[in-house]
Amino acid sequence: MKENQIPKATAKRLPLYYRYLRILNNAGKKKVSSTELSEAVQVDSATIRRDFSYFGELGKRGYGYDVQDLMQFFAKTLNDDQMTNVALIGVGNLGSALLKYKFHQSNSIRVSAAFDVNPDIVGRIVDGIPVYPMTDMKEQIAIQQIDIAILTVPAQRSQDVVNELVAAGIKGILNFTPARITAPSDVLIQNVDLTNELQTLIYFLHSGSEEETVAE
């Protein structure tokens, strides 16, 4: 892989390419062109070629891309060849819905534990996932070698919980709360604000503008 920095917009498109390559591979297709990929994933072919160029020569001029080789390359790039254990923090309405999601687009993501303060939920198995008390969080994160946490706690509690997660060794947080949390520079935070996304969609709907699927 080239040493230059991969743009964030490119990184966001990699799972999209990988998912479609898996579909092609399962269908027995041997090769694919950037034009075919473009039509399938709704990203223009020039952008696809530029995205791929950050990783070196992935295809051959006049041939296109070998589906299996490219799929395996992105599997390794996205760490989809290694199991990543994830914890869900907060088993309320949103948290419960996320537990039902089986992350079928990846073979390597497993929600292995959930944590909550509600005594009616703690100690139960919810959609196949054990729910532990918050007091057990640090211990279970270490035992289960959990690297990533999904945060769905009330906004006013979010920063305190983040501090506990950092102390427990968590290296990545997917934040579904509206609060803007902070963490040390070696902990990655991805914010998912559903209300903000919906309001942005409504804005573009009524302004007559078209929002790009993935911003550059």
C-alpha atoms as a PDB file:
ATOM      1  CA  MET A   1       0.000   0.000   0.000  1.00  0.00           C
ATOM      2  CA  LYS A   2       1.172   3.494  -0.727  1.00  0.00           C
ATOM      3  CA  GLU A   3       2.288   5.545   2.237  1.00  0.00           C
ATOM      4  CA  ASN A   4       0.193   8.636   1.385  1.00  0.00           C
ATOM      5  CA  GLN A   5      -2.790   9.481   3.537  1.00  0.00           C
ATOM      6  CA  ILE A   6      -6.106   8.002   2.395  1.00  0.00           C
ATOM      7  CA  PRO A   7      -8.844  10.691   2.259  1.00  0.00           C
ATOM      8  CA  LYS A   8     -11.776  10.169   4.610  1.00  0.00           C
ATOM      9  CA  ALA A   9     -14.270  10.136   1.720  1.00  0.00           C
ATOM     10  CA  THR A  10     -12.295   7.324   0.071  1.00  0.00           C
ATOM     11  CA  ALA A  11     -12.172   5.348   3.326  1.00  0.00           C
ATOM     12  CA  LYS A  12     -15.964   5.635   3.639  1.00  0.00           C
ATOM     13  CA  ARG A  13     -16.428   4.153   0.165  1.00  0.00           C
ATOM     14  CA  LEU A  14     -14.195   1.109   0.731  1.00  0.00           C
ATOM     15  CA  PRO A  15     -16.868  -0.992   2.523  1.00  0.00           C
ATOM     16  CA  LEU A  16     -19.245  -0.213  -0.358  1.00  0.00           C
ATOM     17  CA  TYR A  17     -16.770  -1.555  -2.922  1.00  0.00           C
ATOM     18  CA  TYR A  18     -15.966  -4.556  -0.755  1.00  0.00           C
ATOM     19  CA  ARG A  19     -19.626  -5.454  -0.260  1.00  0.00           C
ATOM     20  CA  TYR A  20     -20.311  -5.443  -4.007  1.00  0.00           C
ATOM     21  CA  LEU A  21     -17.153  -7.426  -4.767  1.00  0.00           C
ATOM     22  CA  ARG A  22     -18.363 -10.102  -2.359  1.00  0.00           C
ATOM     23  CA  ILE A  23     -21.668 -10.234  -4.251  1.00  0.00           C
ATOM     24  CA  LEU A  24     -19.813 -10.609  -7.560  1.00  0.00           C
ATOM     25  CA  ASN A  25     -17.522 -13.291  -6.148  1.00  0.00           C
ATOM     26  CA  ASN A  26     -20.454 -15.267  -4.764  1.00  0.00           C
ATOM     27  CA  ALA A  27     -22.068 -15.065  -8.204  1.00  0.00           C
ATOM     28  CA  GLY A  28     -18.929 -16.565  -9.763  1.00  0.00           C
ATOM     29  CA  LYS A  29     -17.844 -13.446 -11.671  1.00  0.00           C
ATOM     30  CA  LYS A  30     -14.095 -13.395 -12.394  1.00  0.00           C
ATOM     31  CA  LYS A  31     -13.409  -9.813 -13.437  1.00  0.00           C
ATOM     32  CA  VAL A  32     -15.057  -6.401 -13.282  1.00  0.00           C
ATOM     33  CA  SER A  33     -14.368  -3.008 -14.835  1.00  0.00           C
ATOM     34  CA  SER A  34     -14.520   0.358 -13.089  1.00  0.00           C
ATOM     35  CA  THR A  35     -17.523   1.174 -15.301  1.00  0.00           C
ATOM     36  CA  GLU A  36     -19.403  -1.898 -14.058  1.00  0.00           C
ATOM     37  CA  LEU A  37     -18.518  -1.042 -10.463  1.00  0.00           C
ATOM     38  CA  SER A  38     -19.659   2.522 -11.063  1.00  0.00           C
ATOM     39  CA  GLU A  39     -23.097   1.439 -12.245  1.00  0.00           C
ATOM     40  CA  ALA A  40     -23.516  -0.925  -9.307  1.00  0.00           C
ATOM     41  CA  VAL A  41     -22.378   1.317  -6.429  1.00  0.00           C
ATOM     42  CA  GLN A  42     -23.446   4.669  -7.939  1.00  0.00           C
ATOM     43  CA  VAL A  43     -19.976   6.209  -7.721  1.00  0.00           C
ATOM     44  CA  ASP A  44     -18.480   7.582 -10.950  1.00  0.00           C
ATOM     45  CA  SER A  45     -15.725   5.480 -12.504  1.00  0.00           C
ATOM     46  CA  ALA A  46     -13.128   8.261 -12.285  1.00  0.00           C
ATOM     47  CA  THR A  47     -13.656   8.444  -8.513  1.00  0.00           C
ATOM     48  CA  ILE A  48     -13.358   4.661  -8.244  1.00  0.00           C
ATOM     49  CA  ARG A  49     -10.082   4.656 -10.172  1.00  0.00           C
ATOM     50  CA  ARG A  50      -8.756   7.498  -8.014  1.00  0.00           C
ATOM     51  CA  ASP A  51      -9.799   5.686  -4.819  1.00  0.00           C
ATOM     52  CA  PHE A  52      -8.069   2.514  -5.960  1.00  0.00           C
ATOM     53  CA  SER A  53      -4.926   4.406  -6.994  1.00  0.00           C
ATOM     54  CA  TYR A  54      -4.171   5.170  -3.333  1.00  0.00           C
ATOM     55  CA  PHE A  55      -3.454   1.455  -2.887  1.00  0.00           C
ATOM     56  CA  GLY A  56      -1.185   0.977  -5.892  1.00  0.00           C
ATOM     57  CA  GLU A  57      -1.852  -1.006  -9.074  1.00  0.00           C
ATOM     58  CA  LEU A  58      -4.977  -3.044  -8.320  1.00  0.00           C
ATOM     59  CA  GLY A  59      -6.059  -3.697 -11.910  1.00  0.00           C
ATOM     60  CA  LYS A  60      -4.722  -4.084 -15.437  1.00  0.00           C
ATOM     61  CA  ARG A  61      -5.416  -1.695 -18.301  1.00  0.00           C
ATOM     62  CA  GLY A  62      -7.740  -3.343 -20.804  1.00  0.00           C
ATOM     63  CA  TYR A  63      -8.620  -6.154 -18.362  1.00  0.00           C
ATOM     64  CA  GLY A  64     -10.167  -4.485 -15.369  1.00  0.00           C
ATOM     65  CA  TYR A  65      -9.993  -5.925 -11.875  1.00  0.00           C
ATOM     66  CA  ASP A  66      -9.774  -9.532 -10.743  1.00  0.00           C
ATOM     67  CA  VAL A  67     -12.823  -9.887  -8.496  1.00  0.00           C
ATOM     68  CA  GLN A  68     -11.411 -12.423  -6.052  1.00  0.00           C
ATOM     69  CA  ASP A  69      -8.022 -10.727  -5.724  1.00  0.00           C
ATOM     70  CA  LEU A  70      -9.612  -7.308  -5.204  1.00  0.00           C
ATOM     71  CA  MET A  71     -12.129  -8.688  -2.709  1.00  0.00           C
ATOM     72  CA  GLN A  72      -9.352 -10.333  -0.697  1.00  0.00           C
ATOM     73  CA  PHE A  73      -7.289  -7.140  -0.814  1.00  0.00           C
ATOM     74  CA  PHE A  74     -10.135  -5.066   0.613  1.00  0.00           C
ATOM     75  CA  ALA A  75     -10.940  -7.771   3.167  1.00  0.00           C
ATOM     76  CA  LYS A  76      -7.409  -7.386   4.500  1.00  0.00           C
ATOM     77  CA  THR A  77      -7.486  -3.580   4.210  1.00  0.00           C
ATOM     78  CA  LEU A  78     -10.755  -3.426   6.175  1.00  0.00           C
ATOM     79  CA  ASN A  79      -9.565  -6.109   8.634  1.00  0.00           C
ATOM     80  CA  ASP A  80     -12.489  -8.282   7.565  1.00  0.00           C
ATOM     81  CA  ASP A  81     -10.198 -11.299   7.809  1.00  0.00           C
ATOM     82  CA  GLN A  82      -9.953 -10.810  11.600  1.00  0.00           C
ATOM     83  CA  MET A  83     -12.708 -10.934  14.206  1.00  0.00           C
ATOM     84  CA  THR A  84     -13.404  -7.633  16.002  1.00  0.00           C
ATOM     85  CA  ASN A  85     -15.392  -7.766  19.216  1.00  0.00           C
ATOM     86  CA  VAL A  86     -17.760  -4.873  19.871  1.00  0.00           C
ATOM     87  CA  ALA A  87     -19.620  -3.769  23.008  1.00  0.00           C
ATOM     88  CA  LEU A  88     -22.983  -2.001  23.054  1.00  0.00           C
ATOM     89  CA  ILE A  89     -23.330   0.536  25.868  1.00  0.00           C
ATOM     90  CA  GLY A  90     -26.978   1.309  26.616  1.00  0.00           C
ATOM     91  CA  VAL A  91     -29.758  -1.171  25.842  1.00  0.00           C
ATOM     92  CA  GLY A  92     -32.646   1.276  25.462  1.00  0.00           C
ATOM     93  CA  ASN A  93     -34.877   1.560  22.397  1.00  0.00           C
ATOM     94  CA  LEU A  94     -32.047   2.351  19.974  1.00  0.00           C
ATOM     95  CA  GLY A  95     -29.618  -0.036  21.632  1.00  0.00           C
ATOM     96  CA  SER A  96     -32.143  -2.876  21.485  1.00  0.00           C
ATOM     97  CA  ALA A  97     -32.718  -2.199  17.792  1.00  0.00           C
ATOM     98  CA  LEU A  98     -28.980  -2.297  17.118  1.00  0.00           C
ATOM     99  CA  LEU A  99     -28.692  -5.645  18.907  1.00  0.00           C
ATOM    100  CA  LYS A 100     -31.136  -7.070  16.354  1.00  0.00           C
ATOM    101  CA  TYR A 101     -28.903  -5.961  13.514  1.00  0.00           C
ATOM    102  CA  LYS A 102     -26.651  -8.878  12.634  1.00  0.00           C
ATOM    103  CA  PHE A 103     -23.979  -6.898  10.803  1.00  0.00           C
ATOM    104  CA  HIS A 104     -24.542  -9.252   7.856  1.00  0.00           C
ATOM    105  CA  GLN A 105     -22.335  -7.151   5.606  1.00  0.00           C
ATOM    106  CA  SER A 106     -19.234  -8.307   7.455  1.00  0.00           C
ATOM    107  CA  ASN A 107     -17.944 -11.668   8.587  1.00  0.00           C
ATOM    108  CA  SER A 108     -15.700 -10.119  11.199  1.00  0.00           C
ATOM    109  CA  ILE A 109     -17.863  -7.893  13.413  1.00  0.00           C
ATOM    110  CA  ARG A 110     -19.380  -9.444  16.523  1.00  0.00           C
ATOM    111  CA  VAL A 111     -21.290  -7.652  19.262  1.00  0.00           C
ATOM    112  CA  SER A 112     -20.149  -9.852  22.121  1.00  0.00           C
ATOM    113  CA  ALA A 113     -21.476  -7.913  25.125  1.00  0.00           C
ATOM    114  CA  ALA A 114     -23.940  -5.207  26.095  1.00  0.00           C
ATOM    115  CA  PHE A 115     -24.025  -3.051  29.224  1.00  0.00           C
ATOM    116  CA  ASP A 116     -26.829  -1.203  30.984  1.00  0.00           C
ATOM    117  CA  VAL A 117     -27.974   0.069  34.393  1.00  0.00           C
ATOM    118  CA  ASN A 118     -31.571  -1.193  34.146  1.00  0.00           C
ATOM    119  CA  PRO A 119     -31.997  -4.110  36.597  1.00  0.00           C
ATOM    120  CA  ASP A 120     -34.833  -5.473  34.424  1.00  0.00           C
ATOM    121  CA  ILE A 121     -32.383  -5.987  31.549  1.00  0.00           C
ATOM    122  CA  VAL A 122     -29.086  -6.751  33.290  1.00  0.00           C
ATOM    123  CA  GLY A 123     -28.386 -10.466  33.516  1.00  0.00           C
ATOM    124  CA  ARG A 124     -30.579 -11.310  30.542  1.00  0.00           C
ATOM    125  CA  ILE A 125     -29.682 -12.483  27.042  1.00  0.00           C
ATOM    126  CA  VAL A 126     -31.104 -10.021  24.502  1.00  0.00           C
ATOM    127  CA  ASP A 127     -31.079 -11.216  20.887  1.00  0.00           C
ATOM    128  CA  GLY A 128     -28.275 -13.602  21.735  1.00  0.00           C
ATOM    129  CA  ILE A 129     -26.141 -10.957  23.482  1.00  0.00           C
ATOM    130  CA  PRO A 130     -25.524 -11.063  27.269  1.00  0.00           C
ATOM    131  CA  VAL A 131     -26.301  -7.808  29.092  1.00  0.00           C
ATOM    132  CA  TYR A 132     -23.923  -6.974  31.939  1.00  0.00           C
ATOM    133  CA  PRO A 133     -24.137  -4.269  34.610  1.00  0.00           C
ATOM    134  CA  MET A 134     -22.077  -1.156  33.954  1.00  0.00           C
ATOM    135  CA  THR A 135     -19.945  -2.040  36.973  1.00  0.00           C
ATOM    136  CA  ASP A 136     -18.652  -5.083  35.054  1.00  0.00           C
ATOM    137  CA  MET A 137     -17.775  -3.119  31.930  1.00  0.00           C
ATOM    138  CA  LYS A 138     -14.032  -2.696  32.469  1.00  0.00           C
ATOM    139  CA  GLU A 139     -13.557  -6.331  33.443  1.00  0.00           C
ATOM    140  CA  GLN A 140     -15.585  -7.727  30.521  1.00  0.00           C
ATOM    141  CA  ILE A 141     -13.896  -5.481  27.966  1.00  0.00           C
ATOM    142  CA  ALA A 142     -10.550  -6.914  29.065  1.00  0.00           C
ATOM    143  CA  ILE A 143     -11.748 -10.539  29.236  1.00  0.00           C
ATOM    144  CA  GLN A 144     -13.492 -10.452  25.854  1.00  0.00           C
ATOM    145  CA  GLN A 145     -10.772  -8.353  24.191  1.00  0.00           C
ATOM    146  CA  ILE A 146     -13.250  -5.751  23.028  1.00  0.00           C
ATOM    147  CA  ASP A 147     -11.783  -2.908  20.968  1.00  0.00           C
ATOM    148  CA  ILE A 148     -14.854  -0.936  19.882  1.00  0.00           C
ATOM    149  CA  ALA A 149     -17.920   0.371  21.712  1.00  0.00           C
ATOM    150  CA  ILE A 150     -21.265   1.511  20.342  1.00  0.00           C
ATOM    151  CA  LEU A 151     -22.605   4.299  22.556  1.00  0.00           C
ATOM    152  CA  THR A 152     -26.380   4.750  22.939  1.00  0.00           C
ATOM    153  CA  VAL A 153     -26.629   6.093  26.497  1.00  0.00           C
ATOM    154  CA  PRO A 154     -28.458   9.325  27.450  1.00  0.00           C
ATOM    155  CA  ALA A 155     -26.528  12.390  26.248  1.00  0.00           C
ATOM    156  CA  GLN A 156     -25.943  13.720  29.767  1.00  0.00           C
ATOM    157  CA  ARG A 157     -24.154  10.491  30.709  1.00  0.00           C
ATOM    158  CA  SER A 158     -22.168  10.079  27.513  1.00  0.00           C
ATOM    159  CA  GLN A 159     -18.891  11.787  28.468  1.00  0.00           C
ATOM    160  CA  ASP A 160     -18.663   9.991  31.813  1.00  0.00           C
ATOM    161  CA  VAL A 161     -19.195   6.664  30.052  1.00  0.00           C
ATOM    162  CA  VAL A 162     -16.602   7.560  27.411  1.00  0.00           C
ATOM    163  CA  ASN A 163     -14.082   8.265  30.155  1.00  0.00           C
ATOM    164  CA  GLU A 164     -14.771   4.808  31.591  1.00  0.00           C
ATOM    165  CA  LEU A 165     -14.431   3.203  28.153  1.00  0.00           C
ATOM    166  CA  VAL A 166     -11.084   4.896  27.560  1.00  0.00           C
ATOM    167  CA  ALA A 167      -9.858   3.722  30.960  1.00  0.00           C
ATOM    168  CA  ALA A 168     -10.993   0.196  30.027  1.00  0.00           C
ATOM    169  CA  GLY A 169      -8.858   0.248  26.875  1.00  0.00           C
ATOM    170  CA  ILE A 170     -11.444   0.908  24.161  1.00  0.00           C
ATOM    171  CA  LYS A 171      -9.825   2.273  20.970  1.00  0.00           C
ATOM    172  CA  GLY A 172     -12.881   3.162  18.870  1.00  0.00           C
ATOM    173  CA  ILE A 173     -16.330   4.565  19.710  1.00  0.00           C
ATOM    174  CA  LEU A 174     -19.386   4.752  17.462  1.00  0.00           C
ATOM    175  CA  ASN A 175     -21.367   7.539  19.089  1.00  0.00           C
ATOM    176  CA  PHE A 176     -25.135   7.523  18.531  1.00  0.00           C
ATOM    177  CA  THR A 177     -25.777  10.197  21.167  1.00  0.00           C
ATOM    178  CA  PRO A 178     -26.298  13.867  20.180  1.00  0.00           C
ATOM    179  CA  ALA A 179     -23.488  14.886  22.571  1.00  0.00           C
ATOM    180  CA  ARG A 180     -20.080  15.714  21.121  1.00  0.00           C
ATOM    181  CA  ILE A 181     -17.816  13.553  23.203  1.00  0.00           C
ATOM    182  CA  THR A 182     -14.066  13.912  23.594  1.00  0.00           C
ATOM    183  CA  ALA A 183     -11.326  11.320  24.066  1.00  0.00           C
ATOM    184  CA  PRO A 184      -7.534  11.077  23.800  1.00  0.00           C
ATOM    185  CA  SER A 185      -6.100  11.336  20.290  1.00  0.00           C
ATOM    186  CA  ASP A 186      -5.438   7.597  20.070  1.00  0.00           C
ATOM    187  CA  VAL A 187      -9.165   6.816  20.479  1.00  0.00           C
ATOM    188  CA  LEU A 188     -11.174   7.157  17.278  1.00  0.00           C
ATOM    189  CA  ILE A 189     -14.703   8.578  17.496  1.00  0.00           C
ATOM    190  CA  GLN A 190     -17.335   8.267  14.770  1.00  0.00           C
ATOM    191  CA  ASN A 191     -20.482  10.330  15.369  1.00  0.00           C
ATOM    192  CA  VAL A 192     -23.845   9.133  14.030  1.00  0.00           C
ATOM    193  CA  ASP A 193     -26.509  11.803  14.627  1.00  0.00           C
ATOM    194  CA  LEU A 194     -29.765  10.460  13.184  1.00  0.00           C
ATOM    195  CA  THR A 195     -31.681  13.707  13.809  1.00  0.00           C
ATOM    196  CA  ASN A 196     -28.994  15.742  12.079  1.00  0.00           C
ATOM    197  CA  GLU A 197     -28.983  13.399   9.091  1.00  0.00           C
ATOM    198  CA  LEU A 198     -32.762  13.572   8.792  1.00  0.00           C
ATOM    199  CA  GLN A 199     -32.816  17.364   9.079  1.00  0.00           C
ATOM    200  CA  THR A 200     -30.091  17.592   6.416  1.00  0.00           C
ATOM    201  CA  LEU A 201     -32.154  15.370   4.129  1.00  0.00           C
ATOM    202  CA  ILE A 202     -35.231  17.547   4.707  1.00  0.00           C
ATOM    203  CA  TYR A 203     -33.192  20.659   3.914  1.00  0.00           C
ATOM    204  CA  PHE A 204     -32.006  19.275   0.582  1.00  0.00           C
ATOM    205  CA  LEU A 205     -35.506  18.012  -0.198  1.00  0.00           C
ATOM    206  CA  HIS A 206     -37.047  21.465   0.197  1.00  0.00           C
ATOM    207  CA  SER A 207     -34.140  23.526  -1.138  1.00  0.00           C
ATOM    208  CA  GLY A 208     -34.138  21.838  -4.510  1.00  0.00           C
ATOM    209  CA  SER A 209     -30.498  20.818  -4.094  1.00  0.00           C
ATOM    210  CA  GLU A 210     -29.154  17.332  -4.486  1.00  0.00           C
ATOM    211  CA  GLU A 211     -26.958  15.879  -1.756  1.00  0.00           C
ATOM    212  CA  GLU A 212     -24.133  13.600  -2.853  1.00  0.00           C
ATOM    213  CA  THR A 213     -24.212  10.133  -1.332  1.00  0.00           C
ATOM    214  CA  VAL A 214     -20.648  10.475  -0.034  1.00  0.00           C
ATOM    215  CA  ALA A 215     -19.109  13.934   0.177  1.00  0.00           C
ATOM    216  CA  GLU A 216     -15.617  14.450  -1.193  1.00  0.00           C
END
